[in-house]
Amino acid sequence: IPFSRHERLGFLTFCPTNLGTTIRASVHIKVPNLSVDYTKFEQFAATY
């Protein structure tokens, strides 16, 4: 199957957040201590 790909935006998708590689690599991870302060947890994750 030929895929739709744009020279500037990569692989094209319905939502603009998924453009490019379209890759979403994820883990379900158990972090009960880090997630106690959810705001700080999100901020820490965002730095990466």
ModelCIF file with pLDDT and N, C-alpha, C, O atoms, coordinates in Angstrom:
data_MODEL
#
_entry.id   MODEL 
#
_entity.id                         1 
_entity.type                       polymer 
_entity.pdbx_number_of_molecules   1 
#
_entity_poly.entity_id                      1 
_entity_poly.type                           'polypeptide(L)' 
_entity_poly.nstd_linkage                   no 
_entity_poly.nstd_monomer                   no 
_entity_poly.pdbx_seq_one_letter_code       IPFSRHERLGFLTFCPTNLGTTIRASVHIKVPNLSVDYTKFEQFAATY 
_entity_poly.pdbx_seq_one_letter_code_can   IPFSRHERLGFLTFCPTNLGTTIRASVHIKVPNLSVDYTKFEQFAATY 
_entity_poly.pdbx_strand_id                 A 
#
loop_
_entity_poly_seq.entity_id 
_entity_poly_seq.num 
_entity_poly_seq.mon_id 
_entity_poly_seq.hetero 
1 1  ILE n 
1 2  PRO n 
1 3  PHE n 
1 4  SER n 
1 5  ARG n 
1 6  HIS n 
1 7  GLU n 
1 8  ARG n 
1 9  LEU n 
1 10 GLY n 
1 11 PHE n 
1 12 LEU n 
1 13 THR n 
1 14 PHE n 
1 15 CYS n 
1 16 PRO n 
1 17 THR n 
1 18 ASN n 
1 19 LEU n 
1 20 GLY n 
1 21 THR n 
1 22 THR n 
1 23 ILE n 
1 24 ARG n 
1 25 ALA n 
1 26 SER n 
1 27 VAL n 
1 28 HIS n 
1 29 ILE n 
1 30 LYS n 
1 31 VAL n 
1 32 PRO n 
1 33 ASN n 
1 34 LEU n 
1 35 SER n 
1 36 VAL n 
1 37 ASP n 
1 38 TYR n 
1 39 THR n 
1 40 LYS n 
1 41 PHE n 
1 42 GLU n 
1 43 GLN n 
1 44 PHE n 
1 45 ALA n 
1 46 ALA n 
1 47 THR n 
1 48 TYR n 
#
_struct_asym.id          A 
_struct_asym.entity_id   1 
#
loop_
_ma_qa_metric.id 
_ma_qa_metric.mode 
_ma_qa_metric.name 
_ma_qa_metric.software_group_id 
_ma_qa_metric.type 
1 global pLDDT . pLDDT 
2 local  pLDDT . pLDDT 
#
_ma_qa_metric_global.metric_id      1 
_ma_qa_metric_global.metric_value   95.12 
_ma_qa_metric_global.model_id       1 
_ma_qa_metric_global.ordinal_id     1 
#
loop_
_ma_qa_metric_local.label_asym_id 
_ma_qa_metric_local.label_comp_id 
_ma_qa_metric_local.label_seq_id 
_ma_qa_metric_local.metric_id 
_ma_qa_metric_local.metric_value 
_ma_qa_metric_local.model_id 
_ma_qa_metric_local.ordinal_id 
A ILE 1  2 94.00 1 1  
A PRO 2  2 94.00 1 2  
A PHE 3  2 96.00 1 3  
A SER 4  2 94.00 1 4  
A ARG 5  2 94.00 1 5  
A HIS 6  2 93.00 1 6  
A GLU 7  2 88.00 1 7  
A ARG 8  2 95.00 1 8  
A LEU 9  2 97.00 1 9  
A GLY 10 2 97.00 1 10 
A PHE 11 2 97.00 1 11 
A LEU 12 2 97.00 1 12 
A THR 13 2 97.00 1 13 
A PHE 14 2 97.00 1 14 
A CYS 15 2 96.00 1 15 
A PRO 16 2 97.00 1 16 
A THR 17 2 94.00 1 17 
A ASN 18 2 95.00 1 18 
A LEU 19 2 97.00 1 19 
A GLY 20 2 97.00 1 20 
A THR 21 2 97.00 1 21 
A THR 22 2 97.00 1 22 
A ILE 23 2 97.00 1 23 
A ARG 24 2 97.00 1 24 
A ALA 25 2 97.00 1 25 
A SER 26 2 96.00 1 26 
A VAL 27 2 97.00 1 27 
A HIS 28 2 96.00 1 28 
A ILE 29 2 96.00 1 29 
A LYS 30 2 96.00 1 30 
A VAL 31 2 95.00 1 31 
A PRO 32 2 94.00 1 32 
A ASN 33 2 94.00 1 33 
A LEU 34 2 94.00 1 34 
A SER 35 2 92.00 1 35 
A VAL 36 2 92.00 1 36 
A ASP 37 2 93.00 1 37 
A TYR 38 2 92.00 1 38 
A THR 39 2 93.00 1 39 
A LYS 40 2 94.00 1 40 
A PHE 41 2 95.00 1 41 
A GLU 42 2 94.00 1 42 
A GLN 43 2 95.00 1 43 
A PHE 44 2 96.00 1 44 
A ALA 45 2 96.00 1 45 
A ALA 46 2 95.00 1 46 
A THR 47 2 95.00 1 47 
A TYR 48 2 95.00 1 48 
#
loop_
_atom_site.group_PDB 
_atom_site.id 
_atom_site.type_symbol 
_atom_site.label_atom_id 
_atom_site.label_alt_id 
_atom_site.label_comp_id 
_atom_site.label_asym_id 
_atom_site.label_entity_id 
_atom_site.label_seq_id 
_atom_site.pdbx_PDB_ins_code 
_atom_site.Cartn_x 
_atom_site.Cartn_y 
_atom_site.Cartn_z 
_atom_site.occupancy 
_atom_site.B_iso_or_equiv 
_atom_site.pdbx_formal_charge 
_atom_site.auth_seq_id 
_atom_site.auth_comp_id 
_atom_site.auth_asym_id 
_atom_site.auth_atom_id 
_atom_site.pdbx_PDB_model_num 
ATOM 1   N N  . ILE A 1 1  ? 0.841  -1.201 0.000  1.00 94.00 ? 1  ILE A N  1 
ATOM 2   C CA . ILE A 1 1  ? 0.000  0.000  0.000  1.00 94.00 ? 1  ILE A CA 1 
ATOM 3   C C  . ILE A 1 1  ? 0.878  1.254  0.000  1.00 94.00 ? 1  ILE A C  1 
ATOM 4   O O  . ILE A 1 1  ? 1.724  1.398  0.883  1.00 94.00 ? 1  ILE A O  1 
ATOM 5   N N  . PRO A 1 2  ? 0.703  2.166  -0.967 1.00 94.00 ? 2  PRO A N  1 
ATOM 6   C CA . PRO A 1 2  ? 1.447  3.435  -0.936 1.00 94.00 ? 2  PRO A CA 1 
ATOM 7   C C  . PRO A 1 2  ? 0.872  4.381  0.120  1.00 94.00 ? 2  PRO A C  1 
ATOM 8   O O  . PRO A 1 2  ? -0.343 4.559  0.203  1.00 94.00 ? 2  PRO A O  1 
ATOM 9   N N  . PHE A 1 3  ? 1.746  4.982  0.923  1.00 96.00 ? 3  PHE A N  1 
ATOM 10  C CA . PHE A 1 3  ? 1.324  5.894  1.973  1.00 96.00 ? 3  PHE A CA 1 
ATOM 11  C C  . PHE A 1 3  ? 1.443  7.344  1.519  1.00 96.00 ? 3  PHE A C  1 
ATOM 12  O O  . PHE A 1 3  ? 2.223  7.668  0.624  1.00 96.00 ? 3  PHE A O  1 
ATOM 13  N N  . SER A 1 4  ? 0.658  8.208  2.151  1.00 94.00 ? 4  SER A N  1 
ATOM 14  C CA . SER A 1 4  ? 0.659  9.637  1.848  1.00 94.00 ? 4  SER A CA 1 
ATOM 15  C C  . SER A 1 4  ? 1.765  10.321 2.650  1.00 94.00 ? 4  SER A C  1 
ATOM 16  O O  . SER A 1 4  ? 1.736  10.337 3.881  1.00 94.00 ? 4  SER A O  1 
ATOM 17  N N  . ARG A 1 5  ? 2.735  10.883 1.938  1.00 94.00 ? 5  ARG A N  1 
ATOM 18  C CA . ARG A 1 5  ? 3.860  11.533 2.604  1.00 94.00 ? 5  ARG A CA 1 
ATOM 19  C C  . ARG A 1 5  ? 4.182  12.857 1.936  1.00 94.00 ? 5  ARG A C  1 
ATOM 20  O O  . ARG A 1 5  ? 4.193  12.959 0.709  1.00 94.00 ? 5  ARG A O  1 
ATOM 21  N N  . HIS A 1 6  ? 4.440  13.857 2.738  1.00 93.00 ? 6  HIS A N  1 
ATOM 22  C CA . HIS A 1 6  ? 4.740  15.202 2.261  1.00 93.00 ? 6  HIS A CA 1 
ATOM 23  C C  . HIS A 1 6  ? 6.211  15.515 2.525  1.00 93.00 ? 6  HIS A C  1 
ATOM 24  O O  . HIS A 1 6  ? 6.748  15.141 3.567  1.00 93.00 ? 6  HIS A O  1 
ATOM 25  N N  . GLU A 1 7  ? 6.853  16.188 1.597  1.00 88.00 ? 7  GLU A N  1 
ATOM 26  C CA . GLU A 1 7  ? 8.295  16.427 1.722  1.00 88.00 ? 7  GLU A CA 1 
ATOM 27  C C  . GLU A 1 7  ? 8.660  17.295 2.919  1.00 88.00 ? 7  GLU A C  1 
ATOM 28  O O  . GLU A 1 7  ? 9.771  17.188 3.438  1.00 88.00 ? 7  GLU A O  1 
ATOM 29  N N  . ARG A 1 8  ? 7.742  18.157 3.367  1.00 95.00 ? 8  ARG A N  1 
ATOM 30  C CA . ARG A 1 8  ? 8.036  19.009 4.521  1.00 95.00 ? 8  ARG A CA 1 
ATOM 31  C C  . ARG A 1 8  ? 7.450  18.454 5.806  1.00 95.00 ? 8  ARG A C  1 
ATOM 32  O O  . ARG A 1 8  ? 8.090  18.535 6.855  1.00 95.00 ? 8  ARG A O  1 
ATOM 33  N N  . LEU A 1 9  ? 6.243  17.888 5.752  1.00 97.00 ? 9  LEU A N  1 
ATOM 34  C CA . LEU A 1 9  ? 5.539  17.474 6.959  1.00 97.00 ? 9  LEU A CA 1 
ATOM 35  C C  . LEU A 1 9  ? 5.643  15.986 7.262  1.00 97.00 ? 9  LEU A C  1 
ATOM 36  O O  . LEU A 1 9  ? 5.109  15.534 8.274  1.00 97.00 ? 9  LEU A O  1 
ATOM 37  N N  . GLY A 1 10 ? 6.310  15.218 6.422  1.00 97.00 ? 10 GLY A N  1 
ATOM 38  C CA . GLY A 1 10 ? 6.439  13.792 6.657  1.00 97.00 ? 10 GLY A CA 1 
ATOM 39  C C  . GLY A 1 10 ? 5.148  13.057 6.342  1.00 97.00 ? 10 GLY A C  1 
ATOM 40  O O  . GLY A 1 10 ? 4.402  13.468 5.453  1.00 97.00 ? 10 GLY A O  1 
ATOM 41  N N  . PHE A 1 11 ? 4.876  11.974 7.063  1.00 97.00 ? 11 PHE A N  1 
ATOM 42  C CA . PHE A 1 11 ? 3.652  11.204 6.837  1.00 97.00 ? 11 PHE A CA 1 
ATOM 43  C C  . PHE A 1 11 ? 2.454  12.020 7.314  1.00 97.00 ? 11 PHE A C  1 
ATOM 44  O O  . PHE A 1 11 ? 2.462  12.576 8.412  1.00 97.00 ? 11 PHE A O  1 
ATOM 45  N N  . LEU A 1 12 ? 1.434  12.083 6.478  1.00 97.00 ? 12 LEU A N  1 
ATOM 46  C CA . LEU A 1 12 ? 0.281  12.940 6.744  1.00 97.00 ? 12 LEU A CA 1 
ATOM 47  C C  . LEU A 1 12 ? -0.772 12.219 7.576  1.00 97.00 ? 12 LEU A C  1 
ATOM 48  O O  . LEU A 1 12 ? -1.055 11.040 7.364  1.00 97.00 ? 12 LEU A O  1 
ATOM 49  N N  . THR A 1 13 ? -1.341 12.946 8.519  1.00 97.00 ? 13 THR A N  1 
ATOM 50  C CA . THR A 1 13 ? -2.330 12.390 9.440  1.00 97.00 ? 13 THR A CA 1 
ATOM 51  C C  . THR A 1 13 ? -3.476 13.376 9.641  1.00 97.00 ? 13 THR A C  1 
ATOM 52  O O  . THR A 1 13 ? -3.362 14.561 9.329  1.00 97.00 ? 13 THR A O  1 
ATOM 53  N N  . PHE A 1 14 ? -4.575 12.860 10.167 1.00 97.00 ? 14 PHE A N  1 
ATOM 54  C CA . PHE A 1 14 ? -5.775 13.651 10.437 1.00 97.00 ? 14 PHE A CA 1 
ATOM 55  C C  . PHE A 1 14 ? -5.503 14.753 11.457 1.00 97.00 ? 14 PHE A C  1 
ATOM 56  O O  . PHE A 1 14 ? -5.941 15.889 11.276 1.00 97.00 ? 14 PHE A O  1 
ATOM 57  N N  . CYS A 1 15 ? -4.786 14.424 12.521 1.00 96.00 ? 15 CYS A N  1 
ATOM 58  C CA . CYS A 1 15 ? -4.465 15.397 13.566 1.00 96.00 ? 15 CYS A CA 1 
ATOM 59  C C  . CYS A 1 15 ? -3.044 15.919 13.369 1.00 96.00 ? 15 CYS A C  1 
ATOM 60  O O  . CYS A 1 15 ? -2.132 15.118 13.164 1.00 96.00 ? 15 CYS A O  1 
ATOM 61  N N  . PRO A 1 16 ? -2.827 17.228 13.423 1.00 97.00 ? 16 PRO A N  1 
ATOM 62  C CA . PRO A 1 16 ? -1.486 17.772 13.203 1.00 97.00 ? 16 PRO A CA 1 
ATOM 63  C C  . PRO A 1 16 ? -0.473 17.370 14.264 1.00 97.00 ? 16 PRO A C  1 
ATOM 64  O O  . PRO A 1 16 ? 0.730  17.501 14.038 1.00 97.00 ? 16 PRO A O  1 
ATOM 65  N N  . THR A 1 17 ? -0.926 16.883 15.422 1.00 94.00 ? 17 THR A N  1 
ATOM 66  C CA . THR A 1 17 ? 0.031  16.455 16.452 1.00 94.00 ? 17 THR A CA 1 
ATOM 67  C C  . THR A 1 17 ? 0.768  15.191 16.046 1.00 94.00 ? 17 THR A C  1 
ATOM 68  O O  . THR A 1 17 ? 1.821  14.884 16.606 1.00 94.00 ? 17 THR A O  1 
ATOM 69  N N  . ASN A 1 18 ? 0.229  14.450 15.075 1.00 95.00 ? 18 ASN A N  1 
ATOM 70  C CA . ASN A 1 18 ? 0.824  13.167 14.689 1.00 95.00 ? 18 ASN A CA 1 
ATOM 71  C C  . ASN A 1 18 ? 1.646  13.220 13.411 1.00 95.00 ? 18 ASN A C  1 
ATOM 72  O O  . ASN A 1 18 ? 2.134  12.189 12.950 1.00 95.00 ? 18 ASN A O  1 
ATOM 73  N N  . LEU A 1 19 ? 1.804  14.389 12.839 1.00 97.00 ? 19 LEU A N  1 
ATOM 74  C CA . LEU A 1 19 ? 2.556  14.524 11.596 1.00 97.00 ? 19 LEU A CA 1 
ATOM 75  C C  . LEU A 1 19 ? 4.009  14.087 11.753 1.00 97.00 ? 19 LEU A C  1 
ATOM 76  O O  . LEU A 1 19 ? 4.516  13.953 12.867 1.00 97.00 ? 19 LEU A O  1 
ATOM 77  N N  . GLY A 1 20 ? 4.662  13.870 10.627 1.00 97.00 ? 20 GLY A N  1 
ATOM 78  C CA . GLY A 1 20 ? 6.091  13.558 10.645 1.00 97.00 ? 20 GLY A CA 1 
ATOM 79  C C  . GLY A 1 20 ? 6.344  12.082 10.725 1.00 97.00 ? 20 GLY A C  1 
ATOM 80  O O  . GLY A 1 20 ? 6.008  11.335 9.806  1.00 97.00 ? 20 GLY A O  1 
ATOM 81  N N  . THR A 1 21 ? 6.936  11.652 11.819 1.00 97.00 ? 21 THR A N  1 
ATOM 82  C CA . THR A 1 21 ? 7.176  10.226 12.020 1.00 97.00 ? 21 THR A CA 1 
ATOM 83  C C  . THR A 1 21 ? 5.869  9.494  12.329 1.00 97.00 ? 21 THR A C  1 
ATOM 84  O O  . THR A 1 21 ? 5.734  8.304  12.043 1.00 97.00 ? 21 THR A O  1 
ATOM 85  N N  . THR A 1 22 ? 4.921  10.204 12.907 1.00 97.00 ? 22 THR A N  1 
ATOM 86  C CA . THR A 1 22 ? 3.644  9.694  13.446 1.00 97.00 ? 22 THR A CA 1 
ATOM 87  C C  . THR A 1 22 ? 3.866  8.728  14.605 1.00 97.00 ? 22 THR A C  1 
ATOM 88  O O  . THR A 1 22 ? 2.913  8.122  15.096 1.00 97.00 ? 22 THR A O  1 
ATOM 89  N N  . ILE A 1 23 ? 5.106  8.578  15.044 1.00 97.00 ? 23 ILE A N  1 
ATOM 90  C CA . ILE A 1 23 ? 5.465  7.608  16.082 1.00 97.00 ? 23 ILE A CA 1 
ATOM 91  C C  . ILE A 1 23 ? 5.003  8.082  17.464 1.00 97.00 ? 23 ILE A C  1 
ATOM 92  O O  . ILE A 1 23 ? 5.275  9.212  17.871 1.00 97.00 ? 23 ILE A O  1 
ATOM 93  N N  . ARG A 1 24 ? 4.307  7.205  18.166 1.00 97.00 ? 24 ARG A N  1 
ATOM 94  C CA . ARG A 1 24 ? 4.040  7.412  19.589 1.00 97.00 ? 24 ARG A CA 1 
ATOM 95  C C  . ARG A 1 24 ? 4.531  6.180  20.328 1.00 97.00 ? 24 ARG A C  1 
ATOM 96  O O  . ARG A 1 24 ? 3.912  5.117  20.271 1.00 97.00 ? 24 ARG A O  1 
ATOM 97  N N  . ALA A 1 25 ? 5.647  6.336  21.021 1.00 97.00 ? 25 ALA A N  1 
ATOM 98  C CA . ALA A 1 25 ? 6.231  5.243  21.799 1.00 97.00 ? 25 ALA A CA 1 
ATOM 99  C C  . ALA A 1 25 ? 5.907  5.487  23.258 1.00 97.00 ? 25 ALA A C  1 
ATOM 100 O O  . ALA A 1 25 ? 6.200  6.559  23.787 1.00 97.00 ? 25 ALA A O  1 
ATOM 101 N N  . SER A 1 26 ? 5.301  4.501  23.920 1.00 96.00 ? 26 SER A N  1 
ATOM 102 C CA . SER A 1 26 ? 4.826  4.739  25.279 1.00 96.00 ? 26 SER A CA 1 
ATOM 103 C C  . SER A 1 26 ? 5.060  3.540  26.184 1.00 96.00 ? 26 SER A C  1 
ATOM 104 O O  . SER A 1 26 ? 5.239  2.408  25.735 1.00 96.00 ? 26 SER A O  1 
ATOM 105 N N  . VAL A 1 27 ? 5.050  3.834  27.465 1.00 97.00 ? 27 VAL A N  1 
ATOM 106 C CA . VAL A 1 27 ? 5.081  2.786  28.478 1.00 97.00 ? 27 VAL A CA 1 
ATOM 107 C C  . VAL A 1 27 ? 3.983  3.065  29.494 1.00 97.00 ? 27 VAL A C  1 
ATOM 108 O O  . VAL A 1 27 ? 3.656  4.219  29.771 1.00 97.00 ? 27 VAL A O  1 
ATOM 109 N N  . HIS A 1 28 ? 3.420  2.002  30.044 1.00 96.00 ? 28 HIS A N  1 
ATOM 110 C CA . HIS A 1 28 ? 2.618  2.120  31.261 1.00 96.00 ? 28 HIS A CA 1 
ATOM 111 C C  . HIS A 1 28 ? 3.594  1.864  32.396 1.00 96.00 ? 28 HIS A C  1 
ATOM 112 O O  . HIS A 1 28 ? 4.148  0.773  32.529 1.00 96.00 ? 28 HIS A O  1 
ATOM 113 N N  . ILE A 1 29 ? 3.791  2.880  33.203 1.00 96.00 ? 29 ILE A N  1 
ATOM 114 C CA . ILE A 1 29 ? 4.858  2.826  34.202 1.00 96.00 ? 29 ILE A CA 1 
ATOM 115 C C  . ILE A 1 29 ? 4.307  3.134  35.596 1.00 96.00 ? 29 ILE A C  1 
ATOM 116 O O  . ILE A 1 29 ? 3.468  4.019  35.763 1.00 96.00 ? 29 ILE A O  1 
ATOM 117 N N  . LYS A 1 30 ? 4.786  2.401  36.575 1.00 96.00 ? 30 LYS A N  1 
ATOM 118 C CA . LYS A 1 30 ? 4.327  2.568  37.951 1.00 96.00 ? 30 LYS A CA 1 
ATOM 119 C C  . LYS A 1 30 ? 5.280  3.498  38.695 1.00 96.00 ? 30 LYS A C  1 
ATOM 120 O O  . LYS A 1 30 ? 6.417  3.134  38.994 1.00 96.00 ? 30 LYS A O  1 
ATOM 121 N N  . VAL A 1 31 ? 4.797  4.702  38.989 1.00 95.00 ? 31 VAL A N  1 
ATOM 122 C CA . VAL A 1 31 ? 5.613  5.709  39.673 1.00 95.00 ? 31 VAL A CA 1 
ATOM 123 C C  . VAL A 1 31 ? 4.776  6.375  40.778 1.00 95.00 ? 31 VAL A C  1 
ATOM 124 O O  . VAL A 1 31 ? 4.467  7.563  40.676 1.00 95.00 ? 31 VAL A O  1 
ATOM 125 N N  . PRO A 1 32 ? 4.409  5.637  41.818 1.00 94.00 ? 32 PRO A N  1 
ATOM 126 C CA . PRO A 1 32 ? 3.525  6.189  42.856 1.00 94.00 ? 32 PRO A CA 1 
ATOM 127 C C  . PRO A 1 32 ? 4.121  7.362  43.612 1.00 94.00 ? 32 PRO A C  1 
ATOM 128 O O  . PRO A 1 32 ? 3.384  8.246  44.050 1.00 94.00 ? 32 PRO A O  1 
ATOM 129 N N  . ASN A 1 33 ? 5.433  7.393  43.776 1.00 94.00 ? 33 ASN A N  1 
ATOM 130 C CA . ASN A 1 33 ? 6.060  8.502  44.509 1.00 94.00 ? 33 ASN A CA 1 
ATOM 131 C C  . ASN A 1 33 ? 6.177  9.753  43.645 1.00 94.00 ? 33 ASN A C  1 
ATOM 132 O O  . ASN A 1 33 ? 5.861  10.856 44.092 1.00 94.00 ? 33 ASN A O  1 
ATOM 133 N N  . LEU A 1 34 ? 6.621  9.581  42.436 1.00 94.00 ? 34 LEU A N  1 
ATOM 134 C CA . LEU A 1 34 ? 6.806  10.722 41.542 1.00 94.00 ? 34 LEU A CA 1 
ATOM 135 C C  . LEU A 1 34 ? 5.482  11.379 41.184 1.00 94.00 ? 34 LEU A C  1 
ATOM 136 O O  . LEU A 1 34 ? 5.424  12.591 40.980 1.00 94.00 ? 34 LEU A O  1 
ATOM 137 N N  . SER A 1 35 ? 4.417  10.586 41.106 1.00 92.00 ? 35 SER A N  1 
ATOM 138 C CA . SER A 1 35 ? 3.126  11.112 40.667 1.00 92.00 ? 35 SER A CA 1 
ATOM 139 C C  . SER A 1 35 ? 2.288  11.693 41.800 1.00 92.00 ? 35 SER A C  1 
ATOM 140 O O  . SER A 1 35 ? 1.174  12.158 41.558 1.00 92.00 ? 35 SER A O  1 
ATOM 141 N N  . VAL A 1 36 ? 2.796  11.678 43.033 1.00 92.00 ? 36 VAL A N  1 
ATOM 142 C CA . VAL A 1 36 ? 2.054  12.278 44.148 1.00 92.00 ? 36 VAL A CA 1 
ATOM 143 C C  . VAL A 1 36 ? 1.764  13.746 43.856 1.00 92.00 ? 36 VAL A C  1 
ATOM 144 O O  . VAL A 1 36 ? 0.643  14.215 44.053 1.00 92.00 ? 36 VAL A O  1 
ATOM 145 N N  . ASP A 1 37 ? 2.773  14.462 43.389 1.00 93.00 ? 37 ASP A N  1 
ATOM 146 C CA . ASP A 1 37 ? 2.588  15.846 42.940 1.00 93.00 ? 37 ASP A CA 1 
ATOM 147 C C  . ASP A 1 37 ? 2.490  15.801 41.420 1.00 93.00 ? 37 ASP A C  1 
ATOM 148 O O  . ASP A 1 37 ? 3.499  15.853 40.717 1.00 93.00 ? 37 ASP A O  1 
ATOM 149 N N  . TYR A 1 38 ? 1.255  15.704 40.923 1.00 92.00 ? 38 TYR A N  1 
ATOM 150 C CA . TYR A 1 38 ? 1.057  15.468 39.492 1.00 92.00 ? 38 TYR A CA 1 
ATOM 151 C C  . TYR A 1 38 ? 1.588  16.615 38.632 1.00 92.00 ? 38 TYR A C  1 
ATOM 152 O O  . TYR A 1 38 ? 2.113  16.383 37.543 1.00 92.00 ? 38 TYR A O  1 
ATOM 153 N N  . THR A 1 39 ? 1.455  17.843 39.114 1.00 93.00 ? 39 THR A N  1 
ATOM 154 C CA . THR A 1 39 ? 1.938  18.994 38.345 1.00 93.00 ? 39 THR A CA 1 
ATOM 155 C C  . THR A 1 39 ? 3.447  18.923 38.152 1.00 93.00 ? 39 THR A C  1 
ATOM 156 O O  . THR A 1 39 ? 3.953  19.145 37.052 1.00 93.00 ? 39 THR A O  1 
ATOM 157 N N  . LYS A 1 40 ? 4.167  18.610 39.241 1.00 94.00 ? 40 LYS A N  1 
ATOM 158 C CA . LYS A 1 40 ? 5.625  18.488 39.123 1.00 94.00 ? 40 LYS A CA 1 
ATOM 159 C C  . LYS A 1 40 ? 6.012  17.297 38.250 1.00 94.00 ? 40 LYS A C  1 
ATOM 160 O O  . LYS A 1 40 ? 6.998  17.346 37.515 1.00 94.00 ? 40 LYS A O  1 
ATOM 161 N N  . PHE A 1 41 ? 5.230  16.240 38.341 1.00 95.00 ? 41 PHE A N  1 
ATOM 162 C CA . PHE A 1 41 ? 5.460  15.054 37.520 1.00 95.00 ? 41 PHE A CA 1 
ATOM 163 C C  . PHE A 1 41 ? 5.364  15.420 36.036 1.00 95.00 ? 41 PHE A C  1 
ATOM 164 O O  . PHE A 1 41 ? 6.235  15.058 35.245 1.00 95.00 ? 41 PHE A O  1 
ATOM 165 N N  . GLU A 1 42 ? 4.310  16.132 35.669 1.00 94.00 ? 42 GLU A N  1 
ATOM 166 C CA . GLU A 1 42 ? 4.135  16.562 34.275 1.00 94.00 ? 42 GLU A CA 1 
ATOM 167 C C  . GLU A 1 42 ? 5.276  17.478 33.836 1.00 94.00 ? 42 GLU A C  1 
ATOM 168 O O  . GLU A 1 42 ? 5.785  17.369 32.720 1.00 94.00 ? 42 GLU A O  1 
ATOM 169 N N  . GLN A 1 43 ? 5.663  18.375 34.727 1.00 95.00 ? 43 GLN A N  1 
ATOM 170 C CA . GLN A 1 43 ? 6.743  19.307 34.396 1.00 95.00 ? 43 GLN A CA 1 
ATOM 171 C C  . GLN A 1 43 ? 8.063  18.577 34.190 1.00 95.00 ? 43 GLN A C  1 
ATOM 172 O O  . GLN A 1 43 ? 8.821  18.902 33.276 1.00 95.00 ? 43 GLN A O  1 
ATOM 173 N N  . PHE A 1 44 ? 8.336  17.593 35.037 1.00 96.00 ? 44 PHE A N  1 
ATOM 174 C CA . PHE A 1 44 ? 9.554  16.803 34.897 1.00 96.00 ? 44 PHE A CA 1 
ATOM 175 C C  . PHE A 1 44 ? 9.548  16.050 33.571 1.00 96.00 ? 44 PHE A C  1 
ATOM 176 O O  . PHE A 1 44 ? 10.552 16.037 32.859 1.00 96.00 ? 44 PHE A O  1 
ATOM 177 N N  . ALA A 1 45 ? 8.426  15.427 33.237 1.00 96.00 ? 45 ALA A N  1 
ATOM 178 C CA . ALA A 1 45 ? 8.309  14.687 31.977 1.00 96.00 ? 45 ALA A CA 1 
ATOM 179 C C  . ALA A 1 45 ? 8.487  15.621 30.781 1.00 96.00 ? 45 ALA A C  1 
ATOM 180 O O  . ALA A 1 45 ? 9.106  15.250 29.785 1.00 96.00 ? 45 ALA A O  1 
ATOM 181 N N  . ALA A 1 46 ? 7.942  16.830 30.886 1.00 95.00 ? 46 ALA A N  1 
ATOM 182 C CA . ALA A 1 46 ? 8.006  17.785 29.776 1.00 95.00 ? 46 ALA A CA 1 
ATOM 183 C C  . ALA A 1 46 ? 9.433  18.219 29.461 1.00 95.00 ? 46 ALA A C  1 
ATOM 184 O O  . ALA A 1 46 ? 9.738  18.573 28.322 1.00 95.00 ? 46 ALA A O  1 
ATOM 185 N N  . THR A 1 47 ? 10.312 18.194 30.470 1.00 95.00 ? 47 THR A N  1 
ATOM 186 C CA . THR A 1 47 ? 11.708 18.575 30.210 1.00 95.00 ? 47 THR A CA 1 
ATOM 187 C C  . THR A 1 47 ? 12.393 17.571 29.276 1.00 95.00 ? 47 THR A C  1 
ATOM 188 O O  . THR A 1 47 ? 13.429 17.873 28.684 1.00 95.00 ? 47 THR A O  1 
ATOM 189 N N  . TYR A 1 48 ? 11.814 16.397 29.150 1.00 95.00 ? 48 TYR A N  1 
ATOM 190 C CA . TYR A 1 48 ? 12.331 15.380 28.232 1.00 95.00 ? 48 TYR A CA 1 
ATOM 191 C C  . TYR A 1 48 ? 11.420 15.210 27.007 1.00 95.00 ? 48 TYR A C  1 
ATOM 192 O O  . TYR A 1 48 ? 11.708 14.393 26.132 1.00 95.00 ? 48 TYR A O  1 
#
